[in-house]
Amino acid sequence: MSSLIECSTLAPAWLCRHGDVLIYLAPSIVLALLIRALSARHPFFFLFRMAGTICHELAHFVVGMLTYARPASFTIIPRKVAHGWELGSVQLTRVRWYNAAPSALAPFLVVVLPFMVAAWRTRSGLHFTWLDVALAFAVAPQFLACWPSKVDWKIALRSWPYLVIACGLWWLLS
């Protein structure tokens, strides 16, 4: 009878081990969706995306420095462009085939931050305080900022030799 209420009978083992983290992040994910919907209606709500924009652009900047893409400018001031709004940008002056994908796709690293915060806050069990409300507002924009923009994806395509190298290695190893 006790096996009916065990987590492993209802969910995969990894979900049972990290269920507290996922439950902790649920309000942040809902808040992220709300922020996204509101910021599409009025530019004022870009303020709630600011923490995510800072992390997104810092990811480009830091990975650009580490891969010698030479970041030249960094801005997080939203500006109106032809197709909508640009929330921030980093200008890289030395984008080559070997550093284009890592620099352009660096925002994927931002998704680690919410999970680190959740792991820290749930290390002694799942409990919510007023600090967690503030952290939810800081963590929610990270879910919105972890996806590279259309411009980022276009820059990443300059690293097409990685695809050729990966296919060659796969062919050699199989």
N, C-alpha and C. Protein backbone atom coordinates (compact mmCIF):
# COMPACT_ATOMS: atom_id res chain seq x y z
N MET A 1 0.81 -1.19 0.00
CA MET A 1 0.00 0.00 0.00
C MET A 1 0.86 1.27 0.00
N SER A 2 2.02 1.23 0.64
CA SER A 2 2.87 2.42 0.69
C SER A 2 3.48 2.73 -0.67
N SER A 3 3.58 1.73 -1.55
CA SER A 3 4.16 2.00 -2.87
C SER A 3 3.26 2.87 -3.72
N LEU A 4 1.97 2.97 -3.37
CA LEU A 4 1.06 3.82 -4.14
C LEU A 4 1.36 5.30 -3.94
N ILE A 5 1.90 5.65 -2.80
CA ILE A 5 2.18 7.06 -2.54
C ILE A 5 3.64 7.43 -2.76
N GLU A 6 4.46 6.49 -3.15
CA GLU A 6 5.85 6.80 -3.43
C GLU A 6 5.95 7.59 -4.73
N CYS A 7 6.86 8.51 -4.75
CA CYS A 7 7.04 9.36 -5.92
C CYS A 7 7.44 8.54 -7.14
N SER A 8 8.29 7.56 -6.95
CA SER A 8 8.82 6.81 -8.09
C SER A 8 7.75 6.01 -8.82
N THR A 9 6.61 5.78 -8.20
CA THR A 9 5.53 5.08 -8.90
C THR A 9 4.77 6.01 -9.83
N LEU A 10 4.87 7.32 -9.59
CA LEU A 10 4.14 8.29 -10.38
C LEU A 10 5.02 9.07 -11.35
N ALA A 11 6.32 9.20 -11.06
CA ALA A 11 7.19 10.06 -11.86
C ALA A 11 8.57 9.42 -12.02
N PRO A 12 9.33 9.91 -12.98
CA PRO A 12 10.70 9.41 -13.14
C PRO A 12 11.55 9.71 -11.90
N ALA A 13 12.62 8.96 -11.74
CA ALA A 13 13.47 9.10 -10.54
C ALA A 13 14.08 10.50 -10.44
N TRP A 14 14.51 11.09 -11.55
CA TRP A 14 15.14 12.42 -11.48
C TRP A 14 14.15 13.47 -11.00
N LEU A 15 12.87 13.30 -11.35
CA LEU A 15 11.86 14.23 -10.89
C LEU A 15 11.63 14.09 -9.39
N CYS A 16 11.70 12.87 -8.90
CA CYS A 16 11.53 12.64 -7.46
C CYS A 16 12.68 13.24 -6.67
N ARG A 17 13.89 13.15 -7.21
CA ARG A 17 15.06 13.70 -6.51
C ARG A 17 15.05 15.23 -6.50
N HIS A 18 14.50 15.85 -7.54
CA HIS A 18 14.56 17.30 -7.68
C HIS A 18 13.17 17.94 -7.66
N GLY A 19 12.22 17.27 -7.10
CA GLY A 19 10.86 17.79 -7.05
C GLY A 19 10.74 19.09 -6.30
N ASP A 20 11.49 19.26 -5.21
CA ASP A 20 11.44 20.50 -4.45
C ASP A 20 11.90 21.68 -5.29
N VAL A 21 12.94 21.47 -6.07
CA VAL A 21 13.46 22.54 -6.93
C VAL A 21 12.41 22.94 -7.96
N LEU A 22 11.78 21.97 -8.58
CA LEU A 22 10.77 22.27 -9.59
C LEU A 22 9.54 22.94 -8.99
N ILE A 23 9.14 22.50 -7.81
CA ILE A 23 8.01 23.15 -7.13
C ILE A 23 8.38 24.58 -6.75
N TYR A 24 9.61 24.79 -6.28
CA TYR A 24 10.07 26.13 -5.92
C TYR A 24 10.05 27.07 -7.13
N LEU A 25 10.41 26.54 -8.31
CA LEU A 25 10.48 27.37 -9.51
C LEU A 25 9.12 27.60 -10.19
N ALA A 26 8.12 26.84 -9.82
CA ALA A 26 6.80 26.97 -10.46
C ALA A 26 6.24 28.40 -10.40
N PRO A 27 6.26 29.08 -9.25
CA PRO A 27 5.75 30.46 -9.23
C PRO A 27 6.57 31.39 -10.14
N SER A 28 7.87 31.17 -10.23
CA SER A 28 8.71 32.00 -11.09
C SER A 28 8.37 31.80 -12.56
N ILE A 29 8.06 30.57 -12.93
CA ILE A 29 7.70 30.30 -14.32
C ILE A 29 6.37 30.96 -14.67
N VAL A 30 5.41 30.88 -13.76
CA VAL A 30 4.11 31.54 -13.97
C VAL A 30 4.31 33.06 -14.05
N LEU A 31 5.13 33.59 -13.16
CA LEU A 31 5.43 35.02 -13.16
C LEU A 31 6.13 35.43 -14.46
N ALA A 32 7.02 34.58 -14.97
CA ALA A 32 7.70 34.87 -16.23
C ALA A 32 6.69 34.98 -17.38
N LEU A 33 5.73 34.08 -17.41
CA LEU A 33 4.71 34.14 -18.46
C LEU A 33 3.87 35.41 -18.33
N LEU A 34 3.57 35.81 -17.11
CA LEU A 34 2.81 37.04 -16.88
C LEU A 34 3.62 38.26 -17.33
N ILE A 35 4.88 38.30 -16.98
CA ILE A 35 5.75 39.41 -17.39
C ILE A 35 5.84 39.48 -18.91
N ARG A 36 5.97 38.35 -19.54
CA ARG A 36 6.06 38.32 -21.01
C ARG A 36 4.77 38.88 -21.63
N ALA A 37 3.64 38.46 -21.13
CA ALA A 37 2.36 38.94 -21.67
C ALA A 37 2.20 40.44 -21.45
N LEU A 38 2.55 40.92 -20.26
CA LEU A 38 2.39 42.35 -19.96
C LEU A 38 3.38 43.21 -20.72
N SER A 39 4.62 42.74 -20.90
CA SER A 39 5.60 43.54 -21.62
C SER A 39 5.30 43.61 -23.11
N ALA A 40 4.51 42.67 -23.62
CA ALA A 40 4.07 42.74 -25.02
C ALA A 40 3.01 43.82 -25.20
N ARG A 41 2.34 44.19 -24.11
CA ARG A 41 1.27 45.19 -24.18
C ARG A 41 1.77 46.61 -23.95
N HIS A 42 2.78 46.77 -23.10
CA HIS A 42 3.25 48.12 -22.79
C HIS A 42 4.74 48.09 -22.41
N PRO A 43 5.52 49.03 -22.94
CA PRO A 43 6.97 49.06 -22.66
C PRO A 43 7.33 49.24 -21.19
N PHE A 44 6.43 49.77 -20.37
CA PHE A 44 6.72 49.94 -18.94
C PHE A 44 7.14 48.62 -18.30
N PHE A 45 6.55 47.52 -18.74
CA PHE A 45 6.81 46.23 -18.11
C PHE A 45 8.18 45.65 -18.48
N PHE A 46 8.92 46.36 -19.36
CA PHE A 46 10.30 45.95 -19.63
C PHE A 46 11.14 46.05 -18.37
N LEU A 47 10.71 46.90 -17.42
CA LEU A 47 11.43 47.01 -16.15
C LEU A 47 11.51 45.67 -15.43
N PHE A 48 10.45 44.87 -15.55
CA PHE A 48 10.43 43.56 -14.90
C PHE A 48 11.32 42.55 -15.62
N ARG A 49 11.71 42.86 -16.85
CA ARG A 49 12.60 41.98 -17.61
C ARG A 49 14.06 42.39 -17.46
N MET A 50 14.32 43.47 -16.75
CA MET A 50 15.67 44.04 -16.68
C MET A 50 16.70 43.05 -16.13
N ALA A 51 16.39 42.32 -15.09
CA ALA A 51 17.36 41.37 -14.52
C ALA A 51 17.74 40.30 -15.55
N GLY A 52 16.76 39.86 -16.32
CA GLY A 52 17.04 38.87 -17.36
C GLY A 52 17.86 39.46 -18.50
N THR A 53 17.55 40.69 -18.87
CA THR A 53 18.29 41.36 -19.95
C THR A 53 19.75 41.54 -19.55
N ILE A 54 19.98 41.93 -18.31
CA ILE A 54 21.36 42.10 -17.83
C ILE A 54 22.12 40.77 -17.92
N CYS A 55 21.50 39.70 -17.46
CA CYS A 55 22.17 38.39 -17.51
C CYS A 55 22.38 37.91 -18.94
N HIS A 56 21.40 38.13 -19.82
CA HIS A 56 21.50 37.74 -21.22
C HIS A 56 22.69 38.44 -21.89
N GLU A 57 22.76 39.76 -21.72
CA GLU A 57 23.84 40.52 -22.35
C GLU A 57 25.19 40.25 -21.69
N LEU A 58 25.19 40.04 -20.38
CA LEU A 58 26.45 39.68 -19.71
C LEU A 58 26.97 38.33 -20.20
N ALA A 59 26.07 37.41 -20.48
CA ALA A 59 26.49 36.11 -21.02
C ALA A 59 27.19 36.30 -22.36
N HIS A 60 26.60 37.11 -23.25
CA HIS A 60 27.27 37.41 -24.53
C HIS A 60 28.64 38.04 -24.28
N PHE A 61 28.67 39.03 -23.38
CA PHE A 61 29.90 39.77 -23.13
C PHE A 61 31.01 38.86 -22.58
N VAL A 62 30.69 38.09 -21.56
CA VAL A 62 31.71 37.24 -20.91
C VAL A 62 32.19 36.14 -21.85
N VAL A 63 31.28 35.45 -22.51
CA VAL A 63 31.69 34.39 -23.43
C VAL A 63 32.41 35.00 -24.63
N GLY A 64 32.00 36.18 -25.06
CA GLY A 64 32.72 36.88 -26.12
C GLY A 64 34.15 37.19 -25.73
N MET A 65 34.35 37.60 -24.49
CA MET A 65 35.72 37.85 -24.01
C MET A 65 36.53 36.55 -23.94
N LEU A 66 35.91 35.49 -23.41
CA LEU A 66 36.61 34.22 -23.25
C LEU A 66 36.97 33.57 -24.59
N THR A 67 36.18 33.84 -25.63
CA THR A 67 36.44 33.23 -26.94
C THR A 67 37.10 34.22 -27.90
N TYR A 68 37.56 35.35 -27.39
CA TYR A 68 38.27 36.36 -28.18
C TYR A 68 37.41 36.95 -29.30
N ALA A 69 36.13 37.14 -29.04
CA ALA A 69 35.25 37.79 -30.00
C ALA A 69 35.28 39.31 -29.82
N ARG A 70 36.03 39.79 -28.87
CA ARG A 70 36.25 41.21 -28.58
C ARG A 70 34.97 42.03 -28.44
N PRO A 71 34.31 41.92 -27.31
CA PRO A 71 33.14 42.78 -27.09
C PRO A 71 33.56 44.25 -27.05
N ALA A 72 32.86 45.08 -27.80
CA ALA A 72 33.21 46.50 -27.89
C ALA A 72 32.23 47.39 -27.13
N SER A 73 30.96 46.99 -27.08
CA SER A 73 29.98 47.81 -26.36
C SER A 73 28.96 46.91 -25.68
N PHE A 74 28.36 47.47 -24.65
CA PHE A 74 27.38 46.75 -23.83
C PHE A 74 26.30 47.74 -23.44
N THR A 75 25.05 47.42 -23.74
CA THR A 75 23.95 48.30 -23.32
C THR A 75 22.75 47.47 -22.91
N ILE A 76 22.04 47.98 -21.92
CA ILE A 76 20.79 47.34 -21.47
C ILE A 76 19.65 48.35 -21.50
N ILE A 77 19.81 49.39 -22.27
CA ILE A 77 18.77 50.41 -22.39
C ILE A 77 17.86 50.02 -23.56
N PRO A 78 16.57 49.78 -23.29
CA PRO A 78 15.67 49.41 -24.38
C PRO A 78 15.55 50.53 -25.41
N ARG A 79 15.44 50.12 -26.69
CA ARG A 79 15.24 51.11 -27.74
C ARG A 79 14.31 50.52 -28.79
N LYS A 80 13.56 51.41 -29.39
CA LYS A 80 12.60 51.01 -30.42
C LYS A 80 13.37 50.75 -31.72
N VAL A 81 13.10 49.60 -32.33
CA VAL A 81 13.68 49.26 -33.63
C VAL A 81 12.52 48.97 -34.59
N ALA A 82 12.85 48.71 -35.84
CA ALA A 82 11.81 48.55 -36.87
C ALA A 82 10.80 47.46 -36.55
N HIS A 83 11.25 46.35 -36.00
CA HIS A 83 10.36 45.20 -35.76
C HIS A 83 9.88 45.08 -34.31
N GLY A 84 10.12 46.07 -33.49
CA GLY A 84 9.68 46.00 -32.10
C GLY A 84 10.64 46.73 -31.18
N TRP A 85 11.07 46.04 -30.13
CA TRP A 85 11.98 46.62 -29.15
C TRP A 85 13.23 45.77 -29.03
N GLU A 86 14.34 46.44 -28.84
CA GLU A 86 15.61 45.78 -28.53
C GLU A 86 15.92 46.13 -27.08
N LEU A 87 15.96 45.12 -26.22
CA LEU A 87 16.12 45.37 -24.79
C LEU A 87 17.55 45.61 -24.38
N GLY A 88 18.51 45.18 -25.18
CA GLY A 88 19.92 45.37 -24.89
C GLY A 88 20.74 44.81 -26.03
N SER A 89 22.03 45.06 -25.98
CA SER A 89 22.90 44.51 -27.03
C SER A 89 24.35 44.54 -26.59
N VAL A 90 25.10 43.65 -27.21
CA VAL A 90 26.55 43.62 -27.06
C VAL A 90 27.10 43.57 -28.47
N GLN A 91 28.02 44.47 -28.76
CA GLN A 91 28.64 44.47 -30.08
C GLN A 91 29.97 43.71 -29.98
N LEU A 92 30.11 42.68 -30.81
CA LEU A 92 31.33 41.89 -30.87
C LEU A 92 32.07 42.26 -32.14
N THR A 93 33.35 42.58 -32.03
CA THR A 93 34.09 43.09 -33.19
C THR A 93 34.94 42.05 -33.90
N ARG A 94 35.08 40.88 -33.34
CA ARG A 94 35.93 39.86 -33.97
C ARG A 94 35.23 38.49 -33.94
N VAL A 95 34.08 38.41 -34.59
CA VAL A 95 33.33 37.16 -34.64
C VAL A 95 33.89 36.31 -35.77
N ARG A 96 34.33 35.13 -35.43
CA ARG A 96 34.89 34.18 -36.40
C ARG A 96 34.11 32.88 -36.30
N TRP A 97 34.41 31.92 -37.16
CA TRP A 97 33.67 30.65 -37.19
C TRP A 97 33.80 29.90 -35.87
N TYR A 98 34.92 30.02 -35.19
CA TYR A 98 35.15 29.25 -33.97
C TYR A 98 34.54 29.89 -32.73
N ASN A 99 34.22 31.20 -32.77
CA ASN A 99 33.65 31.83 -31.58
C ASN A 99 32.24 32.37 -31.79
N ALA A 100 31.70 32.24 -33.01
CA ALA A 100 30.37 32.78 -33.28
C ALA A 100 29.29 32.05 -32.47
N ALA A 101 29.25 30.74 -32.55
CA ALA A 101 28.22 29.98 -31.83
C ALA A 101 28.34 30.12 -30.32
N PRO A 102 29.53 29.95 -29.74
CA PRO A 102 29.59 30.11 -28.28
C PRO A 102 29.18 31.50 -27.81
N SER A 103 29.60 32.54 -28.52
CA SER A 103 29.26 33.91 -28.12
C SER A 103 27.79 34.21 -28.32
N ALA A 104 27.24 33.77 -29.43
CA ALA A 104 25.85 34.09 -29.75
C ALA A 104 24.87 33.26 -28.94
N LEU A 105 25.22 32.03 -28.63
CA LEU A 105 24.31 31.15 -27.90
C LEU A 105 24.58 31.12 -26.39
N ALA A 106 25.41 32.02 -25.92
CA ALA A 106 25.75 32.10 -24.50
C ALA A 106 24.54 32.29 -23.58
N PRO A 107 23.46 32.93 -24.01
CA PRO A 107 22.32 33.07 -23.10
C PRO A 107 21.74 31.75 -22.61
N PHE A 108 22.00 30.64 -23.28
CA PHE A 108 21.54 29.35 -22.76
C PHE A 108 22.09 29.11 -21.36
N LEU A 109 23.23 29.70 -21.04
CA LEU A 109 23.83 29.53 -19.71
C LEU A 109 23.00 30.21 -18.62
N VAL A 110 22.19 31.18 -19.00
CA VAL A 110 21.40 31.93 -18.03
C VAL A 110 20.39 31.05 -17.31
N VAL A 111 19.92 29.99 -17.96
CA VAL A 111 18.90 29.13 -17.35
C VAL A 111 19.45 28.39 -16.13
N VAL A 112 20.75 28.35 -15.98
CA VAL A 112 21.36 27.71 -14.82
C VAL A 112 21.07 28.51 -13.54
N LEU A 113 20.98 29.82 -13.66
CA LEU A 113 20.79 30.68 -12.48
C LEU A 113 19.52 30.34 -11.68
N PRO A 114 18.35 30.23 -12.31
CA PRO A 114 17.17 29.88 -11.50
C PRO A 114 17.32 28.55 -10.77
N PHE A 115 17.94 27.59 -11.41
CA PHE A 115 18.10 26.28 -10.77
C PHE A 115 19.11 26.34 -9.62
N MET A 116 20.13 27.19 -9.75
CA MET A 116 21.07 27.37 -8.65
C MET A 116 20.38 28.02 -7.45
N VAL A 117 19.57 29.05 -7.72
CA VAL A 117 18.83 29.72 -6.64
C VAL A 117 17.87 28.73 -5.98
N ALA A 118 17.16 27.96 -6.79
CA ALA A 118 16.20 26.99 -6.24
C ALA A 118 16.90 25.92 -5.43
N ALA A 119 18.04 25.43 -5.90
CA ALA A 119 18.79 24.42 -5.14
C ALA A 119 19.27 25.01 -3.81
N TRP A 120 19.71 26.26 -3.82
CA TRP A 120 20.15 26.93 -2.60
C TRP A 120 18.99 27.09 -1.61
N ARG A 121 17.83 27.52 -2.10
CA ARG A 121 16.69 27.78 -1.21
C ARG A 121 16.00 26.51 -0.73
N THR A 122 16.18 25.38 -1.42
CA THR A 122 15.51 24.14 -1.02
C THR A 122 16.47 23.13 -0.41
N ARG A 123 17.68 23.54 -0.14
CA ARG A 123 18.67 22.58 0.39
C ARG A 123 18.26 22.03 1.75
N SER A 124 17.49 22.80 2.52
CA SER A 124 17.03 22.31 3.82
C SER A 124 15.52 22.06 3.81
N GLY A 125 14.99 21.76 2.66
CA GLY A 125 13.57 21.48 2.55
C GLY A 125 12.82 22.62 1.88
N LEU A 126 11.63 22.31 1.49
CA LEU A 126 10.81 23.29 0.77
C LEU A 126 10.04 24.14 1.77
N HIS A 127 10.35 25.43 1.78
CA HIS A 127 9.62 26.39 2.60
C HIS A 127 9.73 27.75 1.93
N PHE A 128 8.70 28.56 2.05
CA PHE A 128 8.68 29.87 1.41
C PHE A 128 8.66 30.97 2.45
N THR A 129 9.47 32.01 2.20
CA THR A 129 9.50 33.20 3.05
C THR A 129 9.31 34.42 2.13
N TRP A 130 9.33 35.60 2.72
CA TRP A 130 9.21 36.82 1.91
C TRP A 130 10.41 36.99 1.00
N LEU A 131 11.55 36.48 1.38
CA LEU A 131 12.72 36.53 0.52
C LEU A 131 12.45 35.79 -0.79
N ASP A 132 11.71 34.70 -0.71
CA ASP A 132 11.41 33.92 -1.90
C ASP A 132 10.50 34.66 -2.88
N VAL A 133 9.69 35.55 -2.38
CA VAL A 133 8.86 36.39 -3.26
C VAL A 133 9.77 37.31 -4.07
N ALA A 134 10.73 37.94 -3.40
CA ALA A 134 11.68 38.80 -4.10
C ALA A 134 12.53 38.00 -5.08
N LEU A 135 12.95 36.82 -4.67
CA LEU A 135 13.74 35.97 -5.56
C LEU A 135 12.94 35.52 -6.77
N ALA A 136 11.63 35.31 -6.60
CA ALA A 136 10.79 34.93 -7.74
C ALA A 136 10.78 36.03 -8.78
N PHE A 137 10.74 37.30 -8.34
CA PHE A 137 10.79 38.42 -9.28
C PHE A 137 12.17 38.56 -9.93
N ALA A 138 13.22 38.13 -9.25
CA ALA A 138 14.56 38.18 -9.84
C ALA A 138 14.82 36.99 -10.76
N VAL A 139 14.24 35.85 -10.43
CA VAL A 139 14.48 34.61 -11.19
C VAL A 139 13.59 34.52 -12.42
N ALA A 140 12.36 35.00 -12.34
CA ALA A 140 11.42 34.88 -13.46
C ALA A 140 11.97 35.43 -14.78
N PRO A 141 12.60 36.61 -14.79
CA PRO A 141 13.12 37.12 -16.06
C PRO A 141 14.23 36.26 -16.66
N GLN A 142 14.88 35.46 -15.84
CA GLN A 142 15.95 34.60 -16.37
C GLN A 142 15.38 33.55 -17.31
N PHE A 143 14.16 33.10 -17.04
CA PHE A 143 13.51 32.15 -17.95
C PHE A 143 13.20 32.79 -19.29
N LEU A 144 12.93 34.09 -19.30
CA LEU A 144 12.66 34.81 -20.54
C LEU A 144 13.94 35.15 -21.28
N ALA A 145 15.04 35.29 -20.55
CA ALA A 145 16.29 35.75 -21.14
C ALA A 145 17.21 34.62 -21.60
N CYS A 146 16.87 33.40 -21.32
CA CYS A 146 17.80 32.31 -21.62
C CYS A 146 17.73 31.85 -23.07
N TRP A 147 16.79 32.37 -23.85
CA TRP A 147 16.69 31.97 -25.25
C TRP A 147 17.35 33.03 -26.12
N PRO A 148 18.28 32.63 -27.00
CA PRO A 148 18.94 33.60 -27.89
C PRO A 148 17.93 34.25 -28.85
N SER A 149 18.22 35.50 -29.21
CA SER A 149 17.35 36.23 -30.13
C SER A 149 17.56 35.76 -31.57
N LYS A 150 16.75 36.28 -32.49
CA LYS A 150 16.91 35.94 -33.91
C LYS A 150 18.28 36.37 -34.42
N VAL A 151 18.72 37.53 -33.99
CA VAL A 151 20.05 38.02 -34.39
C VAL A 151 21.14 37.08 -33.85
N ASP A 152 20.97 36.62 -32.62
CA ASP A 152 21.93 35.68 -32.03
C ASP A 152 22.03 34.41 -32.87
N TRP A 153 20.88 33.88 -33.30
CA TRP A 153 20.88 32.65 -34.10
C TRP A 153 21.56 32.87 -35.44
N LYS A 154 21.37 34.04 -36.05
CA LYS A 154 22.03 34.34 -37.33
C LYS A 154 23.54 34.39 -37.15
N ILE A 155 23.98 34.99 -36.07
CA ILE A 155 25.43 35.05 -35.79
C ILE A 155 25.97 33.64 -35.54
N ALA A 156 25.21 32.83 -34.83
CA ALA A 156 25.66 31.46 -34.51
C ALA A 156 25.86 30.62 -35.77
N LEU A 157 25.12 30.94 -36.82
CA LEU A 157 25.26 30.18 -38.07
C LEU A 157 26.64 30.33 -38.70
N ARG A 158 27.39 31.33 -38.30
CA ARG A 158 28.76 31.49 -38.81
C ARG A 158 29.67 30.36 -38.34
N SER A 159 29.23 29.61 -37.36
CA SER A 159 30.02 28.49 -36.84
C SER A 159 29.62 27.18 -37.50
N TRP A 160 29.20 27.21 -38.74
CA TRP A 160 28.80 25.98 -39.42
C TRP A 160 29.92 24.94 -39.48
N PRO A 161 31.20 25.28 -39.46
CA PRO A 161 32.21 24.22 -39.46
C PRO A 161 32.11 23.27 -38.26
N TYR A 162 31.53 23.75 -37.14
CA TYR A 162 31.32 22.85 -36.00
C TYR A 162 30.45 21.67 -36.39
N LEU A 163 29.44 21.92 -37.21
CA LEU A 163 28.55 20.86 -37.67
C LEU A 163 29.32 19.85 -38.52
N VAL A 164 30.18 20.34 -39.39
CA VAL A 164 30.99 19.44 -40.23
C VAL A 164 31.94 18.61 -39.37
N ILE A 165 32.58 19.25 -38.40
CA ILE A 165 33.50 18.55 -37.50
C ILE A 165 32.76 17.49 -36.69
N ALA A 166 31.59 17.84 -36.14
CA ALA A 166 30.80 16.90 -35.35
C ALA A 166 30.35 15.70 -36.19
N CYS A 167 29.90 15.97 -37.41
CA CYS A 167 29.49 14.87 -38.29
C CYS A 167 30.67 13.98 -38.66
N GLY A 168 31.82 14.58 -38.87
CA GLY A 168 33.03 13.80 -39.17
C GLY A 168 33.44 12.93 -38.01
N LEU A 169 33.40 13.47 -36.81
CA LEU A 169 33.74 12.67 -35.62
C LEU A 169 32.74 11.55 -35.41
N TRP A 170 31.46 11.84 -35.62
CA TRP A 170 30.43 10.80 -35.48
C TRP A 170 30.67 9.68 -36.49
N TRP A 171 31.02 10.05 -37.72
CA TRP A 171 31.27 9.06 -38.77
C TRP A 171 32.49 8.21 -38.42
N LEU A 172 33.54 8.83 -37.89
CA LEU A 172 34.75 8.09 -37.52
C LEU A 172 34.51 7.15 -36.34
N LEU A 173 33.71 7.59 -35.38
CA LEU A 173 33.49 6.78 -34.18
C LEU A 173 32.45 5.69 -34.37
N SER A 174 31.66 5.78 -35.40
CA SER A 174 30.62 4.74 -35.58
C SER A 174 30.97 3.75 -36.66
